[in-house]
């Protein structure tokens, strides 16, 4: 699986005027939601996916030691923010999905309210 990584992904907070020197790639509703989505545990999950390239959510859950429901929910949230892309991988009873990590380095830019 090929991982497309940006050197830096700029994050902005909705309701703030972005700094023109840092065009925003991803918008979040609040700083708290940034902290939740990019928690240390979730960054570790992204690292595991990028390094080990698992082929299913079940495999990601097994490798990471997290519950399948937690992995699925976390990755769906990350996909909503364009941090990962989940790609269906066959027609199996098991959840088969390839996950592409789209960003692995973030810069949060706080603009003017």
N, C-alpha and C. Protein backbone atom coordinates (compact mmCIF):
# COMPACT_ATOMS: atom_id res chain seq x y z
N UNK A 1 0.85 -1.19 0.00
CA UNK A 1 0.00 0.00 0.00
C UNK A 1 0.89 1.23 0.00
N UNK A 2 0.59 2.12 -0.86
CA UNK A 2 1.36 3.36 -0.97
C UNK A 2 0.78 4.41 -0.02
N UNK A 3 1.63 5.07 0.73
CA UNK A 3 1.18 6.12 1.63
C UNK A 3 1.63 7.47 1.09
N UNK A 4 0.69 8.34 0.83
CA UNK A 4 0.98 9.68 0.37
C UNK A 4 1.10 10.56 1.60
N UNK A 5 2.30 11.08 1.85
CA UNK A 5 2.52 11.90 3.03
C UNK A 5 2.90 13.31 2.62
N UNK A 6 2.31 14.26 3.26
CA UNK A 6 2.67 15.65 3.06
C UNK A 6 3.77 15.97 4.05
N UNK A 7 4.62 16.95 3.70
CA UNK A 7 5.64 17.34 4.66
C UNK A 7 5.00 18.04 5.85
N UNK A 8 3.89 18.71 5.59
CA UNK A 8 3.18 19.38 6.69
C UNK A 8 1.73 19.60 6.28
N UNK A 9 0.83 19.34 7.20
CA UNK A 9 -0.60 19.57 6.98
C UNK A 9 -1.00 20.68 7.93
N UNK A 10 -1.49 21.79 7.39
CA UNK A 10 -1.86 22.94 8.21
C UNK A 10 -3.31 22.80 8.65
N UNK A 11 -3.54 22.94 9.95
CA UNK A 11 -4.86 22.81 10.54
C UNK A 11 -5.33 24.17 11.01
N UNK A 12 -6.57 24.49 10.66
CA UNK A 12 -7.18 25.74 11.12
C UNK A 12 -8.40 25.46 11.97
N UNK A 13 -8.79 26.42 12.79
CA UNK A 13 -9.96 26.32 13.64
C UNK A 13 -11.06 27.19 13.04
N UNK A 14 -12.23 26.60 12.81
CA UNK A 14 -13.35 27.34 12.22
C UNK A 14 -13.69 28.55 13.07
N UNK A 15 -14.00 29.64 12.42
CA UNK A 15 -14.35 30.87 13.12
C UNK A 15 -13.17 31.81 13.29
N UNK A 16 -11.99 31.34 12.95
CA UNK A 16 -10.80 32.18 13.05
C UNK A 16 -10.32 32.52 11.64
N UNK A 17 -9.78 33.68 11.48
CA UNK A 17 -9.23 34.10 10.20
C UNK A 17 -7.84 33.49 10.05
N UNK A 18 -7.63 32.70 9.00
CA UNK A 18 -6.33 32.05 8.85
C UNK A 18 -5.21 33.02 8.50
N UNK A 19 -4.02 32.65 8.86
CA UNK A 19 -2.83 33.41 8.52
C UNK A 19 -2.55 33.19 7.04
N UNK A 20 -2.43 34.24 6.22
CA UNK A 20 -2.21 34.06 4.78
C UNK A 20 -0.90 33.34 4.46
N UNK A 21 0.04 33.33 5.39
CA UNK A 21 1.31 32.64 5.16
C UNK A 21 1.18 31.12 5.32
N UNK A 22 0.06 30.67 5.89
CA UNK A 22 -0.15 29.24 6.14
C UNK A 22 -1.53 28.83 5.64
N UNK A 23 -1.67 28.53 4.35
CA UNK A 23 -2.97 28.09 3.82
C UNK A 23 -3.44 26.83 4.54
N UNK A 24 -4.68 26.83 4.98
CA UNK A 24 -5.22 25.73 5.77
C UNK A 24 -5.60 24.55 4.88
N UNK A 25 -5.15 23.35 5.27
CA UNK A 25 -5.50 22.11 4.57
C UNK A 25 -6.74 21.46 5.18
N UNK A 26 -6.85 21.51 6.51
CA UNK A 26 -7.93 20.85 7.23
C UNK A 26 -8.52 21.82 8.25
N UNK A 27 -9.85 21.90 8.29
CA UNK A 27 -10.52 22.75 9.27
C UNK A 27 -11.14 21.89 10.36
N UNK A 28 -11.01 22.31 11.59
CA UNK A 28 -11.65 21.66 12.73
C UNK A 28 -12.58 22.67 13.40
N UNK A 29 -13.59 22.15 14.12
CA UNK A 29 -14.55 23.02 14.81
C UNK A 29 -13.94 23.71 16.02
N UNK A 30 -12.98 23.04 16.67
CA UNK A 30 -12.38 23.60 17.89
C UNK A 30 -11.01 23.01 18.12
N UNK A 31 -10.25 23.66 18.97
CA UNK A 31 -8.93 23.14 19.35
C UNK A 31 -9.09 21.81 20.09
N UNK A 32 -10.17 21.67 20.85
CA UNK A 32 -10.44 20.43 21.56
C UNK A 32 -10.63 19.27 20.58
N UNK A 33 -11.33 19.51 19.48
CA UNK A 33 -11.52 18.42 18.51
C UNK A 33 -10.21 18.05 17.83
N UNK A 34 -9.32 19.01 17.62
CA UNK A 34 -7.98 18.71 17.08
C UNK A 34 -7.25 17.79 18.06
N UNK A 35 -7.29 18.15 19.33
CA UNK A 35 -6.61 17.36 20.35
C UNK A 35 -7.17 15.95 20.44
N UNK A 36 -8.47 15.80 20.28
CA UNK A 36 -9.08 14.47 20.33
C UNK A 36 -8.69 13.63 19.12
N UNK A 37 -8.79 14.19 17.94
CA UNK A 37 -8.50 13.43 16.73
C UNK A 37 -7.01 13.11 16.61
N UNK A 38 -6.17 14.04 17.00
CA UNK A 38 -4.72 13.84 16.87
C UNK A 38 -4.06 13.54 18.22
N UNK A 39 -4.78 12.80 19.06
CA UNK A 39 -4.21 12.41 20.35
C UNK A 39 -2.97 11.55 20.14
N UNK A 40 -2.21 11.38 21.19
CA UNK A 40 -0.99 10.57 21.12
C UNK A 40 -1.32 9.14 20.65
N UNK A 41 -2.42 8.60 21.18
CA UNK A 41 -2.83 7.24 20.80
C UNK A 41 -3.20 7.16 19.33
N UNK A 42 -3.89 8.18 18.82
CA UNK A 42 -4.28 8.16 17.42
C UNK A 42 -3.09 8.40 16.50
N UNK A 43 -2.13 9.19 16.93
CA UNK A 43 -0.91 9.35 16.14
C UNK A 43 -0.14 8.03 16.08
N UNK A 44 -0.15 7.28 17.19
CA UNK A 44 0.50 5.97 17.21
C UNK A 44 -0.21 5.02 16.24
N UNK A 45 -1.55 5.10 16.20
CA UNK A 45 -2.31 4.28 15.27
C UNK A 45 -1.92 4.59 13.82
N UNK A 46 -1.78 5.86 13.49
CA UNK A 46 -1.35 6.25 12.14
C UNK A 46 0.05 5.71 11.83
N UNK A 47 0.92 5.74 12.81
CA UNK A 47 2.28 5.24 12.62
C UNK A 47 2.26 3.73 12.34
N UNK A 48 1.46 3.00 13.10
CA UNK A 48 1.34 1.55 12.89
C UNK A 48 0.82 1.25 11.48
N UNK A 49 -0.19 1.99 11.06
CA UNK A 49 -0.76 1.78 9.72
C UNK A 49 0.28 2.07 8.64
N UNK A 50 0.99 3.18 8.78
CA UNK A 50 1.98 3.57 7.77
C UNK A 50 3.13 2.57 7.71
N UNK A 51 3.57 2.08 8.86
CA UNK A 51 4.73 1.18 8.90
C UNK A 51 4.38 -0.26 8.54
N UNK A 52 3.24 -0.75 9.01
CA UNK A 52 2.93 -2.17 8.84
C UNK A 52 1.96 -2.46 7.70
N UNK A 53 1.30 -1.44 7.19
CA UNK A 53 0.40 -1.55 6.05
C UNK A 53 -0.60 -2.70 6.16
N UNK A 54 -1.37 -2.74 7.24
CA UNK A 54 -2.37 -3.80 7.39
C UNK A 54 -3.44 -3.70 6.30
N UNK A 55 -4.09 -4.83 6.02
CA UNK A 55 -5.05 -4.90 4.92
C UNK A 55 -6.50 -4.88 5.35
N UNK A 56 -6.76 -4.77 6.64
CA UNK A 56 -8.15 -4.73 7.10
C UNK A 56 -8.25 -4.01 8.43
N UNK A 57 -9.46 -3.58 8.76
CA UNK A 57 -9.67 -2.96 10.07
C UNK A 57 -9.42 -3.97 11.18
N UNK A 58 -9.77 -5.23 10.94
CA UNK A 58 -9.53 -6.28 11.93
C UNK A 58 -8.03 -6.41 12.21
N UNK A 59 -7.23 -6.37 11.16
CA UNK A 59 -5.78 -6.47 11.32
C UNK A 59 -5.24 -5.23 12.04
N UNK A 60 -5.76 -4.07 11.72
CA UNK A 60 -5.33 -2.84 12.41
C UNK A 60 -5.65 -2.94 13.89
N UNK A 61 -6.85 -3.42 14.21
CA UNK A 61 -7.25 -3.58 15.61
C UNK A 61 -6.32 -4.56 16.33
N UNK A 62 -6.01 -5.65 15.69
CA UNK A 62 -5.14 -6.66 16.29
C UNK A 62 -3.74 -6.12 16.54
N UNK A 63 -3.17 -5.47 15.55
CA UNK A 63 -1.82 -4.92 15.66
C UNK A 63 -1.74 -3.83 16.71
N UNK A 64 -2.78 -2.99 16.75
CA UNK A 64 -2.74 -1.83 17.65
C UNK A 64 -3.21 -2.16 19.07
N UNK A 65 -3.89 -3.31 19.24
CA UNK A 65 -4.41 -3.66 20.55
C UNK A 65 -5.67 -2.89 20.92
N UNK A 66 -6.30 -2.28 19.94
CA UNK A 66 -7.53 -1.52 20.17
C UNK A 66 -8.72 -2.33 19.68
N UNK A 67 -9.89 -2.06 20.24
CA UNK A 67 -11.11 -2.73 19.82
C UNK A 67 -11.44 -2.34 18.38
N UNK A 68 -12.01 -3.30 17.63
CA UNK A 68 -12.38 -3.05 16.24
C UNK A 68 -13.32 -1.85 16.13
N UNK A 69 -14.30 -1.75 17.02
CA UNK A 69 -15.25 -0.63 16.97
C UNK A 69 -14.53 0.70 17.18
N UNK A 70 -13.53 0.72 18.06
CA UNK A 70 -12.76 1.93 18.33
C UNK A 70 -11.94 2.32 17.10
N UNK A 71 -11.29 1.35 16.48
CA UNK A 71 -10.48 1.60 15.28
C UNK A 71 -11.36 2.13 14.16
N UNK A 72 -12.51 1.48 13.96
CA UNK A 72 -13.42 1.90 12.89
C UNK A 72 -13.90 3.33 13.10
N UNK A 73 -14.33 3.64 14.30
CA UNK A 73 -14.83 4.98 14.63
C UNK A 73 -13.73 6.03 14.47
N UNK A 74 -12.54 5.71 14.97
CA UNK A 74 -11.41 6.65 14.89
C UNK A 74 -11.04 6.93 13.44
N UNK A 75 -10.94 5.88 12.63
CA UNK A 75 -10.53 6.07 11.24
C UNK A 75 -11.62 6.78 10.42
N UNK A 76 -12.88 6.55 10.73
CA UNK A 76 -13.94 7.27 10.04
C UNK A 76 -13.86 8.77 10.36
N UNK A 77 -13.56 9.08 11.61
CA UNK A 77 -13.40 10.49 11.99
C UNK A 77 -12.19 11.09 11.28
N UNK A 78 -11.09 10.35 11.23
CA UNK A 78 -9.89 10.85 10.55
C UNK A 78 -10.14 11.01 9.06
N UNK A 79 -10.92 10.11 8.48
CA UNK A 79 -11.24 10.22 7.06
C UNK A 79 -12.07 11.48 6.79
N UNK A 80 -12.98 11.78 7.69
CA UNK A 80 -13.81 12.99 7.56
C UNK A 80 -12.93 14.24 7.50
N UNK A 81 -11.79 14.21 8.17
CA UNK A 81 -10.87 15.35 8.20
C UNK A 81 -9.72 15.21 7.20
N UNK A 82 -9.81 14.23 6.31
CA UNK A 82 -8.80 14.02 5.25
C UNK A 82 -7.42 13.68 5.79
N UNK A 83 -7.38 12.99 6.92
CA UNK A 83 -6.10 12.54 7.48
C UNK A 83 -5.78 11.14 6.95
N UNK A 84 -6.81 10.33 6.72
CA UNK A 84 -6.65 9.02 6.12
C UNK A 84 -7.70 8.86 5.02
N UNK A 85 -7.48 7.86 4.19
CA UNK A 85 -8.47 7.48 3.19
C UNK A 85 -8.71 5.99 3.35
N UNK A 86 -9.96 5.59 3.52
CA UNK A 86 -10.29 4.18 3.64
C UNK A 86 -10.80 3.69 2.29
N UNK A 87 -10.15 2.65 1.77
CA UNK A 87 -10.45 2.14 0.43
C UNK A 87 -10.98 0.72 0.57
N UNK A 88 -12.23 0.44 0.12
CA UNK A 88 -12.75 -0.93 0.19
C UNK A 88 -11.81 -1.90 -0.51
N UNK A 89 -11.66 -3.08 0.08
CA UNK A 89 -10.70 -4.06 -0.41
C UNK A 89 -11.37 -5.42 -0.54
N UNK A 90 -12.18 -5.61 -1.57
CA UNK A 90 -12.83 -6.89 -1.80
C UNK A 90 -14.20 -6.98 -1.15
N UNK A 91 -14.87 -8.08 -1.40
CA UNK A 91 -16.21 -8.33 -0.86
C UNK A 91 -16.14 -9.49 0.11
N UNK A 92 -15.74 -9.22 1.33
CA UNK A 92 -15.58 -10.26 2.34
C UNK A 92 -16.50 -9.97 3.51
N UNK A 93 -16.81 -11.01 4.27
CA UNK A 93 -17.59 -10.81 5.48
C UNK A 93 -16.76 -10.00 6.47
N UNK A 94 -15.45 -10.26 6.50
CA UNK A 94 -14.57 -9.46 7.34
C UNK A 94 -14.49 -8.05 6.76
N UNK A 95 -14.25 -7.10 7.61
CA UNK A 95 -14.10 -5.73 7.14
C UNK A 95 -12.72 -5.63 6.47
N UNK A 96 -12.73 -5.51 5.16
CA UNK A 96 -11.49 -5.39 4.41
C UNK A 96 -11.37 -3.96 3.92
N UNK A 97 -10.33 -3.30 4.32
CA UNK A 97 -10.13 -1.93 3.90
C UNK A 97 -8.65 -1.61 3.96
N UNK A 98 -8.18 -0.94 2.96
CA UNK A 98 -6.82 -0.41 3.00
C UNK A 98 -6.92 1.01 3.51
N UNK A 99 -5.98 1.40 4.32
CA UNK A 99 -5.99 2.75 4.85
C UNK A 99 -4.74 3.46 4.36
N UNK A 100 -4.93 4.57 3.68
CA UNK A 100 -3.82 5.42 3.25
C UNK A 100 -3.70 6.56 4.24
N UNK A 101 -2.51 6.72 4.78
CA UNK A 101 -2.25 7.85 5.67
C UNK A 101 -1.92 9.04 4.78
N UNK A 102 -2.74 10.08 4.82
CA UNK A 102 -2.57 11.23 3.95
C UNK A 102 -1.74 12.34 4.59
N UNK A 103 -1.65 12.32 5.89
CA UNK A 103 -0.87 13.36 6.59
C UNK A 103 -0.28 12.75 7.85
N UNK A 104 0.94 13.12 8.16
CA UNK A 104 1.56 12.61 9.39
C UNK A 104 2.34 13.67 10.14
N UNK A 105 2.20 14.91 9.71
CA UNK A 105 2.89 16.02 10.37
C UNK A 105 1.96 17.23 10.30
N UNK A 106 1.65 17.81 11.47
CA UNK A 106 0.63 18.85 11.50
C UNK A 106 1.17 20.15 12.07
N UNK A 107 0.60 21.23 11.58
CA UNK A 107 0.87 22.56 12.12
C UNK A 107 -0.49 23.20 12.36
N UNK A 108 -0.79 23.48 13.63
CA UNK A 108 -2.05 24.13 13.97
C UNK A 108 -1.80 25.63 13.99
N UNK A 109 -2.55 26.34 13.15
CA UNK A 109 -2.38 27.79 13.03
C UNK A 109 -3.61 28.45 13.65
N UNK A 110 -3.38 29.22 14.69
CA UNK A 110 -4.47 29.96 15.33
C UNK A 110 -4.49 31.37 14.77
N UNK A 111 -5.59 31.70 14.10
CA UNK A 111 -5.71 33.02 13.49
C UNK A 111 -6.46 33.96 14.40
N UNK A 112 -6.91 35.04 13.82
CA UNK A 112 -7.67 36.06 14.56
C UNK A 112 -9.13 35.62 14.65
N UNK A 113 -9.76 35.93 15.78
CA UNK A 113 -11.17 35.61 15.95
C UNK A 113 -12.03 36.59 15.18
